[in-house]
Amino acid sequence: MPAKLSTHVLDLSTGRPAVGMVIQLLRRTPELALIKTVTTNADGRTDGALLDEMTMAVGNYELVFHVSDYFSARGVECTFLTQVPIRFVITDVAAGYHVPLLVTPWAYSTYRGS
């Protein structure tokens, strides 16, 4: 698996990819430093890796998924979740890290994918 960080988002309330969700990637150094802001495409994925072999670095990271904005834009009330932060550690810069989000307006789940 090539060295990279990637993500995708599935909207479990519709059973479809979450198109147009804003995601921020931050590095915790110890204060938060914004690396980039992206928006999911038609597959609920980002266009390209969030980090690649040139930008991967050992450290603590956080992905912030803007779920209430996503659901509100679709006319779905989302008053419970606003943003979903997922904190994780990159320990091997030669490895692939995939951090998906499965989300509804009321709950979410994640795992380290492949």
PDB file of N, CA and C in Angstrom:
ATOM      1  N   MET A   1       0.854  -1.176   0.000  1.00  0.00           N
ATOM      2  CA  MET A   1       0.000   0.000   0.000  1.00  0.00           C
ATOM      3  C   MET A   1       0.897   1.235   0.000  1.00  0.00           C
ATOM      4  N   PRO A   2       0.636   2.167  -0.908  1.00  0.00           N
ATOM      5  CA  PRO A   2       1.470   3.369  -0.952  1.00  0.00           C
ATOM      6  C   PRO A   2       1.244   4.280   0.254  1.00  0.00           C
ATOM      7  N   ALA A   3       2.248   5.064   0.566  1.00  0.00           N
ATOM      8  CA  ALA A   3       2.156   6.012   1.677  1.00  0.00           C
ATOM      9  C   ALA A   3       1.163   7.099   1.321  1.00  0.00           C
ATOM     10  N   LYS A   4       0.075   7.180   2.108  1.00  0.00           N
ATOM     11  CA  LYS A   4      -0.908   8.229   1.884  1.00  0.00           C
ATOM     12  C   LYS A   4      -1.920   8.243   3.024  1.00  0.00           C
ATOM     13  N   LEU A   5      -2.618   9.365   3.131  1.00  0.00           N
ATOM     14  CA  LEU A   5      -3.766   9.507   4.018  1.00  0.00           C
ATOM     15  C   LEU A   5      -4.966   9.816   3.135  1.00  0.00           C
ATOM     16  N   SER A   6      -6.022   9.035   3.314  1.00  0.00           N
ATOM     17  CA  SER A   6      -7.240   9.256   2.536  1.00  0.00           C
ATOM     18  C   SER A   6      -8.458   9.080   3.436  1.00  0.00           C
ATOM     19  N   THR A   7      -9.599   9.504   2.916  1.00  0.00           N
ATOM     20  CA  THR A   7     -10.860   9.356   3.645  1.00  0.00           C
ATOM     21  C   THR A   7     -11.997   9.234   2.651  1.00  0.00           C
ATOM     22  N   HIS A   8     -13.123   8.799   3.128  1.00  0.00           N
ATOM     23  CA  HIS A   8     -14.379   8.893   2.392  1.00  0.00           C
ATOM     24  C   HIS A   8     -15.507   8.960   3.407  1.00  0.00           C
ATOM     25  N   VAL A   9     -16.667   9.449   2.962  1.00  0.00           N
ATOM     26  CA  VAL A   9     -17.804   9.624   3.855  1.00  0.00           C
ATOM     27  C   VAL A   9     -19.029   8.970   3.229  1.00  0.00           C
ATOM     28  N   LEU A  10     -19.701   8.130   4.017  1.00  0.00           N
ATOM     29  CA  LEU A  10     -20.957   7.519   3.601  1.00  0.00           C
ATOM     30  C   LEU A  10     -22.083   8.077   4.458  1.00  0.00           C
ATOM     31  N   ASP A  11     -23.128   8.544   3.801  1.00  0.00           N
ATOM     32  CA  ASP A  11     -24.330   9.036   4.475  1.00  0.00           C
ATOM     33  C   ASP A  11     -25.238   7.830   4.676  1.00  0.00           C
ATOM     34  N   LEU A  12     -25.256   7.286   5.877  1.00  0.00           N
ATOM     35  CA  LEU A  12     -26.027   6.078   6.147  1.00  0.00           C
ATOM     36  C   LEU A  12     -27.529   6.330   6.196  1.00  0.00           C
ATOM     37  N   SER A  13     -27.947   7.584   6.283  1.00  0.00           N
ATOM     38  CA  SER A  13     -29.382   7.870   6.262  1.00  0.00           C
ATOM     39  C   SER A  13     -29.961   7.702   4.862  1.00  0.00           C
ATOM     40  N   THR A  14     -29.105   7.789   3.842  1.00  0.00           N
ATOM     41  CA  THR A  14     -29.555   7.594   2.461  1.00  0.00           C
ATOM     42  C   THR A  14     -28.925   6.360   1.822  1.00  0.00           C
ATOM     43  N   GLY A  15     -27.874   5.834   2.451  1.00  0.00           N
ATOM     44  CA  GLY A  15     -27.166   4.700   1.863  1.00  0.00           C
ATOM     45  C   GLY A  15     -26.305   5.088   0.676  1.00  0.00           C
ATOM     46  N   ARG A  16     -25.903   6.352   0.620  1.00  0.00           N
ATOM     47  CA  ARG A  16     -25.123   6.857  -0.518  1.00  0.00           C
ATOM     48  C   ARG A  16     -23.883   7.610  -0.041  1.00  0.00           C
ATOM     49  N   PRO A  17     -22.931   7.830  -0.949  1.00  0.00           N
ATOM     50  CA  PRO A  17     -21.784   8.668  -0.597  1.00  0.00           C
ATOM     51  C   PRO A  17     -22.244  10.071  -0.205  1.00  0.00           C
ATOM     52  N   ALA A  18     -21.539  10.671   0.721  1.00  0.00           N
ATOM     53  CA  ALA A  18     -21.840  12.041   1.161  1.00  0.00           C
ATOM     54  C   ALA A  18     -21.124  13.006   0.224  1.00  0.00           C
ATOM     55  N   VAL A  19     -21.858  13.524  -0.736  1.00  0.00           N
ATOM     56  CA  VAL A  19     -21.308  14.433  -1.741  1.00  0.00           C
ATOM     57  C   VAL A  19     -21.321  15.857  -1.197  1.00  0.00           C
ATOM     58  N   GLY A  20     -20.190  16.534  -1.269  1.00  0.00           N
ATOM     59  CA  GLY A  20     -20.118  17.940  -0.903  1.00  0.00           C
ATOM     60  C   GLY A  20     -19.872  18.221   0.568  1.00  0.00           C
ATOM     61  N   MET A  21     -19.380  17.239   1.322  1.00  0.00           N
ATOM     62  CA  MET A  21     -19.073  17.491   2.734  1.00  0.00           C
ATOM     63  C   MET A  21     -17.690  18.136   2.854  1.00  0.00           C
ATOM     64  N   VAL A  22     -17.608  19.185   3.632  1.00  0.00           N
ATOM     65  CA  VAL A  22     -16.334  19.867   3.876  1.00  0.00           C
ATOM     66  C   VAL A  22     -15.590  19.122   4.981  1.00  0.00           C
ATOM     67  N   ILE A  23     -14.293  18.913   4.760  1.00  0.00           N
ATOM     68  CA  ILE A  23     -13.421  18.224   5.710  1.00  0.00           C
ATOM     69  C   ILE A  23     -12.160  19.054   5.876  1.00  0.00           C
ATOM     70  N   GLN A  24     -11.753  19.238   7.118  1.00  0.00           N
ATOM     71  CA  GLN A  24     -10.494  19.920   7.400  1.00  0.00           C
ATOM     72  C   GLN A  24      -9.499  18.898   7.942  1.00  0.00           C
ATOM     73  N   LEU A  25      -8.259  18.991   7.494  1.00  0.00           N
ATOM     74  CA  LEU A  25      -7.158  18.195   8.030  1.00  0.00           C
ATOM     75  C   LEU A  25      -6.274  19.122   8.834  1.00  0.00           C
ATOM     76  N   LEU A  26      -6.066  18.760  10.102  1.00  0.00           N
ATOM     77  CA  LEU A  26      -5.226  19.558  10.993  1.00  0.00           C
ATOM     78  C   LEU A  26      -4.131  18.684  11.583  1.00  0.00           C
ATOM     79  N   ARG A  27      -3.027  19.322  11.922  1.00  0.00           N
ATOM     80  CA  ARG A  27      -1.943  18.643  12.633  1.00  0.00           C
ATOM     81  C   ARG A  27      -1.887  19.214  14.039  1.00  0.00           C
ATOM     82  N   ARG A  28      -1.751  18.349  15.019  1.00  0.00           N
ATOM     83  CA  ARG A  28      -1.694  18.747  16.424  1.00  0.00           C
ATOM     84  C   ARG A  28      -0.224  18.826  16.817  1.00  0.00           C
ATOM     85  N   THR A  29       0.285  20.053  17.038  1.00  0.00           N
ATOM     86  CA  THR A  29       1.739  20.224  17.177  1.00  0.00           C
ATOM     87  C   THR A  29       2.250  21.033  18.356  1.00  0.00           C
ATOM     88  N   PRO A  30       1.808  21.203  19.512  1.00  0.00           N
ATOM     89  CA  PRO A  30       0.587  20.713  20.157  1.00  0.00           C
ATOM     90  C   PRO A  30      -0.643  21.548  19.824  1.00  0.00           C
ATOM     91  N   GLU A  31      -0.480  22.788  19.353  1.00  0.00           N
ATOM     92  CA  GLU A  31      -1.684  23.519  18.951  1.00  0.00           C
ATOM     93  C   GLU A  31      -2.106  23.018  17.571  1.00  0.00           C
ATOM     94  N   LEU A  32      -3.354  23.278  17.205  1.00  0.00           N
ATOM     95  CA  LEU A  32      -3.866  22.816  15.921  1.00  0.00           C
ATOM     96  C   LEU A  32      -3.369  23.698  14.793  1.00  0.00           C
ATOM     97  N   ALA A  33      -2.878  23.065  13.736  1.00  0.00           N
ATOM     98  CA  ALA A  33      -2.432  23.784  12.541  1.00  0.00           C
ATOM     99  C   ALA A  33      -3.186  23.215  11.346  1.00  0.00           C
ATOM    100  N   LEU A  34      -3.942  24.068  10.666  1.00  0.00           N
ATOM    101  CA  LEU A  34      -4.696  23.638   9.500  1.00  0.00           C
ATOM    102  C   LEU A  34      -3.749  23.305   8.355  1.00  0.00           C
ATOM    103  N   ILE A  35      -3.882  22.098   7.815  1.00  0.00           N
ATOM    104  CA  ILE A  35      -3.077  21.681   6.663  1.00  0.00           C
ATOM    105  C   ILE A  35      -3.840  21.945   5.375  1.00  0.00           C
ATOM    106  N   LYS A  36      -5.104  21.522   5.349  1.00  0.00           N
ATOM    107  CA  LYS A  36      -5.918  21.767   4.152  1.00  0.00           C
ATOM    108  C   LYS A  36      -7.389  21.580   4.457  1.00  0.00           C
ATOM    109  N   THR A  37      -8.205  22.156   3.587  1.00  0.00           N
ATOM    110  CA  THR A  37      -9.652  21.996   3.613  1.00  0.00           C
ATOM    111  C   THR A  37     -10.066  21.439   2.258  1.00  0.00           C
ATOM    112  N   VAL A  38     -10.874  20.386   2.279  1.00  0.00           N
ATOM    113  CA  VAL A  38     -11.309  19.728   1.047  1.00  0.00           C
ATOM    114  C   VAL A  38     -12.818  19.495   1.105  1.00  0.00           C
ATOM    115  N   THR A  39     -13.385  19.141  -0.036  1.00  0.00           N
ATOM    116  CA  THR A  39     -14.800  18.818  -0.138  1.00  0.00           C
ATOM    117  C   THR A  39     -14.932  17.482  -0.854  1.00  0.00           C
ATOM    118  N   THR A  40     -15.832  16.632  -0.356  1.00  0.00           N
ATOM    119  CA  THR A  40     -15.990  15.307  -0.956  1.00  0.00           C
ATOM    120  C   THR A  40     -16.628  15.395  -2.339  1.00  0.00           C
ATOM    121  N   ASN A  41     -16.248  14.454  -3.187  1.00  0.00           N
ATOM    122  CA  ASN A  41     -16.731  14.412  -4.560  1.00  0.00           C
ATOM    123  C   ASN A  41     -17.952  13.482  -4.686  1.00  0.00           C
ATOM    124  N   ALA A  42     -18.312  13.115  -5.900  1.00  0.00           N
ATOM    125  CA  ALA A  42     -19.495  12.293  -6.157  1.00  0.00           C
ATOM    126  C   ALA A  42     -19.414  10.911  -5.527  1.00  0.00           C
ATOM    127  N   ASP A  43     -18.217  10.438  -5.212  1.00  0.00           N
ATOM    128  CA  ASP A  43     -18.040   9.149  -4.535  1.00  0.00           C
ATOM    129  C   ASP A  43     -17.916   9.304  -3.027  1.00  0.00           C
ATOM    130  N   GLY A  44     -18.069  10.534  -2.512  1.00  0.00           N
ATOM    131  CA  GLY A  44     -17.888  10.773  -1.084  1.00  0.00           C
ATOM    132  C   GLY A  44     -16.424  10.758  -0.676  1.00  0.00           C
ATOM    133  N   ARG A  45     -15.544  10.856  -1.651  1.00  0.00           N
ATOM    134  CA  ARG A  45     -14.096  10.835  -1.416  1.00  0.00           C
ATOM    135  C   ARG A  45     -13.508  12.203  -1.733  1.00  0.00           C
ATOM    136  N   THR A  46     -12.269  12.384  -1.341  1.00  0.00           N
ATOM    137  CA  THR A  46     -11.569  13.613  -1.711  1.00  0.00           C
ATOM    138  C   THR A  46     -10.847  13.375  -3.030  1.00  0.00           C
ATOM    139  N   ASP A  47     -10.639  14.434  -3.780  1.00  0.00           N
ATOM    140  CA  ASP A  47      -9.887  14.316  -5.028  1.00  0.00           C
ATOM    141  C   ASP A  47      -8.409  14.266  -4.680  1.00  0.00           C
ATOM    142  N   GLY A  48      -7.843  13.090  -4.705  1.00  0.00           N
ATOM    143  CA  GLY A  48      -6.448  12.897  -4.337  1.00  0.00           C
ATOM    144  C   GLY A  48      -6.286  12.646  -2.849  1.00  0.00           C
ATOM    145  N   ALA A  49      -5.091  12.248  -2.484  1.00  0.00           N
ATOM    146  CA  ALA A  49      -4.777  11.941  -1.088  1.00  0.00           C
ATOM    147  C   ALA A  49      -4.702  13.228  -0.268  1.00  0.00           C
ATOM    148  N   LEU A  50      -5.078  13.127   0.999  1.00  0.00           N
ATOM    149  CA  LEU A  50      -4.932  14.256   1.921  1.00  0.00           C
ATOM    150  C   LEU A  50      -3.455  14.495   2.227  1.00  0.00           C
ATOM    151  N   LEU A  51      -2.722  13.423   2.392  1.00  0.00           N
ATOM    152  CA  LEU A  51      -1.259  13.455   2.509  1.00  0.00           C
ATOM    153  C   LEU A  51      -0.730  12.382   1.571  1.00  0.00           C
ATOM    154  N   ASP A  52       0.425  12.615   0.973  1.00  0.00           N
ATOM    155  CA  ASP A  52       1.036  11.608   0.105  1.00  0.00           C
ATOM    156  C   ASP A  52       2.466  11.334   0.568  1.00  0.00           C
ATOM    157  N   GLU A  53       3.200  10.569  -0.224  1.00  0.00           N
ATOM    158  CA  GLU A  53       4.553  10.175   0.188  1.00  0.00           C
ATOM    159  C   GLU A  53       5.476  11.371   0.419  1.00  0.00           C
ATOM    160  N   MET A  54       5.167  12.510  -0.194  1.00  0.00           N
ATOM    161  CA  MET A  54       5.993  13.705  -0.021  1.00  0.00           C
ATOM    162  C   MET A  54       5.605  14.505   1.227  1.00  0.00           C
ATOM    163  N   THR A  55       4.361  14.368   1.689  1.00  0.00           N
ATOM    164  CA  THR A  55       3.876  15.195   2.792  1.00  0.00           C
ATOM    165  C   THR A  55       3.574  14.415   4.071  1.00  0.00           C
ATOM    166  N   MET A  56       3.648  13.084   4.019  1.00  0.00           N
ATOM    167  CA  MET A  56       3.409  12.273   5.220  1.00  0.00           C
ATOM    168  C   MET A  56       4.477  12.580   6.261  1.00  0.00           C
ATOM    169  N   ALA A  57       4.060  12.732   7.510  1.00  0.00           N
ATOM    170  CA  ALA A  57       4.987  12.962   8.618  1.00  0.00           C
ATOM    171  C   ALA A  57       4.410  12.306   9.869  1.00  0.00           C
ATOM    172  N   VAL A  58       5.291  11.745  10.668  1.00  0.00           N
ATOM    173  CA  VAL A  58       4.872  11.173  11.941  1.00  0.00           C
ATOM    174  C   VAL A  58       4.256  12.286  12.784  1.00  0.00           C
ATOM    175  N   GLY A  59       3.141  11.985  13.440  1.00  0.00           N
ATOM    176  CA  GLY A  59       2.526  12.982  14.300  1.00  0.00           C
ATOM    177  C   GLY A  59       1.074  12.709  14.587  1.00  0.00           C
ATOM    178  N   ASN A  60       0.487  13.623  15.338  1.00  0.00           N
ATOM    179  CA  ASN A  60      -0.921  13.563  15.714  1.00  0.00           C
ATOM    180  C   ASN A  60      -1.727  14.453  14.783  1.00  0.00           C
ATOM    181  N   TYR A  61      -2.820  13.900  14.270  1.00  0.00           N
ATOM    182  CA  TYR A  61      -3.644  14.592  13.293  1.00  0.00           C
ATOM    183  C   TYR A  61      -5.103  14.585  13.720  1.00  0.00           C
ATOM    184  N   GLU A  62      -5.869  15.425  13.051  1.00  0.00           N
ATOM    185  CA  GLU A  62      -7.307  15.475  13.291  1.00  0.00           C
ATOM    186  C   GLU A  62      -8.008  15.787  11.971  1.00  0.00           C
ATOM    187  N   LEU A  63      -9.017  14.999  11.666  1.00  0.00           N
ATOM    188  CA  LEU A  63      -9.922  15.294  10.563  1.00  0.00           C
ATOM    189  C   LEU A  63     -11.207  15.838  11.170  1.00  0.00           C
ATOM    190  N   VAL A  64     -11.692  16.962  10.660  1.00  0.00           N
ATOM    191  CA  VAL A  64     -12.945  17.540  11.138  1.00  0.00           C
ATOM    192  C   VAL A  64     -13.937  17.512   9.980  1.00  0.00           C
ATOM    193  N   PHE A  65     -14.992  16.734  10.159  1.00  0.00           N
ATOM    194  CA  PHE A  65     -16.036  16.583   9.161  1.00  0.00           C
ATOM    195  C   PHE A  65     -17.187  17.524   9.528  1.00  0.00           C
ATOM    196  N   HIS A  66     -17.594  18.380   8.602  1.00  0.00           N
ATOM    197  CA  HIS A  66     -18.636  19.378   8.860  1.00  0.00           C
ATOM    198  C   HIS A  66     -20.002  18.775   8.514  1.00  0.00           C
ATOM    199  N   VAL A  67     -20.521  17.951   9.424  1.00  0.00           N
ATOM    200  CA  VAL A  67     -21.715  17.165   9.141  1.00  0.00           C
ATOM    201  C   VAL A  67     -23.005  17.988   9.164  1.00  0.00           C
ATOM    202  N   SER A  68     -23.145  18.928  10.094  1.00  0.00           N
ATOM    203  CA  SER A  68     -24.410  19.681  10.136  1.00  0.00           C
ATOM    204  C   SER A  68     -24.572  20.543   8.887  1.00  0.00           C
ATOM    205  N   ASP A  69     -23.492  21.124   8.391  1.00  0.00           N
ATOM    206  CA  ASP A  69     -23.569  21.900   7.148  1.00  0.00           C
ATOM    207  C   ASP A  69     -23.987  21.003   5.983  1.00  0.00           C
ATOM    208  N   TYR A  70     -23.421  19.798   5.940  1.00  0.00           N
ATOM    209  CA  TYR A  70     -23.762  18.835   4.885  1.00  0.00           C
ATOM    210  C   TYR A  70     -25.248  18.491   4.920  1.00  0.00           C
ATOM    211  N   PHE A  71     -25.750  18.087   6.087  1.00  0.00           N
ATOM    212  CA  PHE A  71     -27.156  17.693   6.181  1.00  0.00           C
ATOM    213  C   PHE A  71     -28.087  18.882   5.977  1.00  0.00           C
ATOM    214  N   SER A  72     -27.756  20.034   6.535  1.00  0.00           N
ATOM    215  CA  SER A  72     -28.600  21.227   6.374  1.00  0.00           C
ATOM    216  C   SER A  72     -28.740  21.609   4.903  1.00  0.00           C
ATOM    217  N   ALA A  73     -27.672  21.474   4.138  1.00  0.00           N
ATOM    218  CA  ALA A  73     -27.710  21.794   2.711  1.00  0.00           C
ATOM    219  C   ALA A  73     -28.642  20.862   1.946  1.00  0.00           C
ATOM    220  N   ARG A  74     -28.975  19.724   2.545  1.00  0.00           N
ATOM    221  CA  ARG A  74     -29.874  18.754   1.928  1.00  0.00           C
ATOM    222  C   ARG A  74     -31.275  18.802   2.535  1.00  0.00           C
ATOM    223  N   GLY A  75     -31.522  19.813   3.362  1.00  0.00           N
ATOM    224  CA  GLY A  75     -32.836  19.975   3.959  1.00  0.00           C
ATOM    225  C   GLY A  75     -33.115  19.032   5.111  1.00  0.00           C
ATOM    226  N   VAL A  76     -32.046  18.450   5.680  1.00  0.00           N
ATOM    227  CA  VAL A  76     -32.192  17.515   6.801  1.00  0.00           C
ATOM    228  C   VAL A  76     -31.755  18.223   8.072  1.00  0.00           C
ATOM    229  N   GLU A  77     -32.641  18.262   9.049  1.00  0.00           N
ATOM    230  CA  GLU A  77     -32.300  18.894  10.321  1.00  0.00           C
ATOM    231  C   GLU A  77     -31.230  18.075  11.028  1.00  0.00           C
ATOM    232  N   CYS A  78     -30.182  18.735  11.437  1.00  0.00           N
ATOM    233  CA  CYS A  78     -29.068  18.067  12.120  1.00  0.00           C
ATOM    234  C   CYS A  78     -28.690  18.925  13.316  1.00  0.00           C
ATOM    235  N   THR A  79     -29.428  18.759  14.403  1.00  0.00           N
ATOM    236  CA  THR A  79     -29.214  19.593  15.584  1.00  0.00           C
ATOM    237  C   THR A  79     -28.408  18.889  16.660  1.00  0.00           C
ATOM    238  N   PHE A  80     -28.076  17.625  16.433  1.00  0.00           N
ATOM    239  CA  PHE A  80     -27.295  16.885  17.434  1.00  0.00           C
ATOM    240  C   PHE A  80     -25.801  16.965  17.134  1.00  0.00           C
ATOM    241  N   LEU A  81     -25.406  16.566  15.946  1.00  0.00           N
ATOM    242  CA  LEU A  81     -23.995  16.625  15.541  1.00  0.00           C
ATOM    243  C   LEU A  81     -23.757  17.907  14.752  1.00  0.00           C
ATOM    244  N   THR A  82     -22.684  18.590  15.043  1.00  0.00           N
ATOM    245  CA  THR A  82     -22.308  19.747  14.241  1.00  0.00           C
ATOM    246  C   THR A  82     -21.077  19.414  13.409  1.00  0.00           C
ATOM    247  N   GLN A  83     -19.996  19.080  14.088  1.00  0.00           N
ATOM    248  CA  GLN A  83     -18.769  18.634  13.427  1.00  0.00           C
ATOM    249  C   GLN A  83     -18.338  17.337  14.098  1.00  0.00           C
ATOM    250  N   VAL A  84     -17.726  16.464  13.310  1.00  0.00           N
ATOM    251  CA  VAL A  84     -17.185  15.219  13.855  1.00  0.00           C
ATOM    252  C   VAL A  84     -15.667  15.274  13.739  1.00  0.00           C
ATOM    253  N   PRO A  85     -14.967  15.406  14.869  1.00  0.00           N
ATOM    254  CA  PRO A  85     -13.503  15.373  14.835  1.00  0.00           C
ATOM    255  C   PRO A  85     -13.010  13.942  15.071  1.00  0.00           C
ATOM    256  N   ILE A  86     -12.079  13.518  14.260  1.00  0.00           N
ATOM    257  CA  ILE A  86     -11.456  12.203  14.447  1.00  0.00           C
ATOM    258  C   ILE A  86      -9.964  12.438  14.619  1.00  0.00           C
ATOM    259  N   ARG A  87      -9.466  12.081  15.789  1.00  0.00           N
ATOM    260  CA  ARG A  87      -8.036  12.255  16.096  1.00  0.00           C
ATOM    261  C   ARG A  87      -7.333  10.923  15.932  1.00  0.00           C
ATOM    262  N   PHE A  88      -6.167  10.957  15.299  1.00  0.00           N
ATOM    263  CA  PHE A  88      -5.411   9.731  15.039  1.00  0.00           C
ATOM    264  C   PHE A  88      -3.928  10.061  14.950  1.00  0.00           C
ATOM    265  N   VAL A  89      -3.120   9.028  14.948  1.00  0.00           N
ATOM    266  CA  VAL A  89      -1.672   9.175  14.928  1.00  0.00           C
ATOM    267  C   VAL A  89      -1.103   8.484  13.692  1.00  0.00           C
ATOM    268  N   ILE A  90      -0.207   9.148  13.020  1.00  0.00           N
ATOM    269  CA  ILE A  90       0.575   8.524  11.949  1.00  0.00           C
ATOM    270  C   ILE A  90       1.918   8.164  12.551  1.00  0.00           C
ATOM    271  N   THR A  91       2.218   6.878  12.562  1.00  0.00           N
ATOM    272  CA  THR A  91       3.479   6.391  13.137  1.00  0.00           C
ATOM    273  C   THR A  91       4.439   5.858  12.083  1.00  0.00           C
ATOM    274  N   ASP A  92       3.923   5.560  10.889  1.00  0.00           N
ATOM    275  CA  ASP A  92       4.741   4.980   9.827  1.00  0.00           C
ATOM    276  C   ASP A  92       4.491   5.757   8.545  1.00  0.00           C
ATOM    277  N   VAL A  93       5.442   6.578   8.131  1.00  0.00           N
ATOM    278  CA  VAL A  93       5.251   7.434   6.958  1.00  0.00           C
ATOM    279  C   VAL A  93       5.271   6.661   5.646  1.00  0.00           C
ATOM    280  N   ALA A  94       5.588   5.378   5.690  1.00  0.00           N
ATOM    281  CA  ALA A  94       5.567   4.555   4.490  1.00  0.00           C
ATOM    282  C   ALA A  94       4.258   3.786   4.351  1.00  0.00           C
ATOM    283  N   ALA A  95       3.345   3.926   5.311  1.00  0.00           N
ATOM    284  CA  ALA A  95       2.099   3.159   5.324  1.00  0.00           C
ATOM    285  C   ALA A  95       0.947   3.964   4.726  1.00  0.00           C
ATOM    286  N   GLY A  96      -0.097   3.251   4.397  1.00  0.00           N
ATOM    287  CA  GLY A  96      -1.336   3.877   3.965  1.00  0.00           C
ATOM    288  C   GLY A  96      -2.290   3.991   5.138  1.00  0.00           C
ATOM    289  N   TYR A  97      -2.894   5.149   5.300  1.00  0.00           N
ATOM    290  CA  TYR A  97      -3.887   5.391   6.348  1.00  0.00           C
ATOM    291  C   TYR A  97      -5.175   5.829   5.663  1.00  0.00           C
ATOM    292  N   HIS A  98      -6.253   5.100   5.934  1.00  0.00           N
ATOM    293  CA  HIS A  98      -7.555   5.457   5.388  1.00  0.00           C
ATOM    294  C   HIS A  98      -8.510   5.602   6.563  1.00  0.00           C
ATOM    295  N   VAL A  99      -9.139   6.778   6.681  1.00  0.00           N
ATOM    296  CA  VAL A  99      -9.996   7.086   7.831  1.00  0.00           C
ATOM    297  C   VAL A  99     -11.392   7.439   7.301  1.00  0.00           C
ATOM    298  N   PRO A 100     -12.264   6.442   7.131  1.00  0.00           N
ATOM    299  CA  PRO A 100     -13.606   6.719   6.632  1.00  0.00           C
ATOM    300  C   PRO A 100     -14.558   7.154   7.742  1.00  0.00           C
ATOM    301  N   LEU A 101     -15.620   7.847   7.342  1.00  0.00           N
ATOM    302  CA  LEU A 101     -16.668   8.248   8.276  1.00  0.00           C
ATOM    303  C   LEU A 101     -17.999   7.725   7.749  1.00  0.00           C
ATOM    304  N   LEU A 102     -18.722   7.019   8.599  1.00  0.00           N
ATOM    305  CA  LEU A 102     -20.085   6.582   8.323  1.00  0.00           C
ATOM    306  C   LEU A 102     -20.960   7.444   9.215  1.00  0.00           C
ATOM    307  N   VAL A 103     -21.924   8.179   8.636  1.00  0.00           N
ATOM    308  CA  VAL A 103     -22.604   9.210   9.418  1.00  0.00           C
ATOM    309  C   VAL A 103     -24.095   9.297   9.097  1.00  0.00           C
ATOM    310  N   THR A 104     -24.865   9.661  10.117  1.00  0.00           N
ATOM    311  CA  THR A 104     -26.258  10.066   9.998  1.00  0.00           C
ATOM    312  C   THR A 104     -26.368  11.381  10.774  1.00  0.00           C
ATOM    313  N   PRO A 105     -27.531  12.021  10.786  1.00  0.00           N
ATOM    314  CA  PRO A 105     -27.662  13.228  11.605  1.00  0.00           C
ATOM    315  C   PRO A 105     -27.561  12.964  13.107  1.00  0.00           C
ATOM    316  N   TRP A 106     -27.609  11.680  13.518  1.00  0.00           N
ATOM    317  CA  TRP A 106     -27.659  11.350  14.950  1.00  0.00           C
ATOM    318  C   TRP A 106     -26.499  10.495  15.442  1.00  0.00           C
ATOM    319  N   ALA A 107     -25.690   9.960  14.547  1.00  0.00           N
ATOM    320  CA  ALA A 107     -24.632   9.036  14.987  1.00  0.00           C
ATOM    321  C   ALA A 107     -23.547   8.950  13.920  1.00  0.00           C
ATOM    322  N   TYR A 108     -22.379   8.444  14.329  1.00  0.00           N
ATOM    323  CA  TYR A 108     -21.313   8.217  13.384  1.00  0.00           C
ATOM    324  C   TYR A 108     -20.426   7.064  13.852  1.00  0.00           C
ATOM    325  N   SER A 109     -19.644   6.549  12.914  1.00  0.00           N
ATOM    326  CA  SER A 109     -18.693   5.483  13.204  1.00  0.00           C
ATOM    327  C   SER A 109     -17.498   5.669  12.281  1.00  0.00           C
ATOM    328  N   THR A 110     -16.362   5.185  12.727  1.00  0.00           N
ATOM    329  CA  THR A 110     -15.159   5.237  11.900  1.00  0.00           C
ATOM    330  C   THR A 110     -14.312   4.010  12.186  1.00  0.00           C
ATOM    331  N   TYR A 111     -13.293   3.790  11.394  1.00  0.00           N
ATOM    332  CA  TYR A 111     -12.364   2.683  11.578  1.00  0.00           C
ATOM    333  C   TYR A 111     -11.133   2.985  10.730  1.00  0.00           C
ATOM    334  N   ARG A 112     -10.076   2.240  10.956  1.00  0.00           N
ATOM    335  CA  ARG A 112      -8.924   2.394  10.065  1.00  0.00           C
ATOM    336  C   ARG A 112      -9.106   1.430   8.904  1.00  0.00           C
ATOM    337  N   GLY A 113      -9.345   1.994   7.756  1.00  0.00           N
ATOM    338  CA  GLY A 113      -9.569   1.191   6.554  1.00  0.00           C
ATOM    339  C   GLY A 113      -8.264   0.886   5.854  1.00  0.00           C
ATOM    340  N   SER A 114      -8.414   0.297   4.699  1.00  0.00           N
ATOM    341  CA  SER A 114      -7.223  -0.064   3.909  1.00  0.00           C
ATOM    342  C   SER A 114      -7.216   0.671   2.584  1.00  0.00           C
TER     343      SER A 114
END
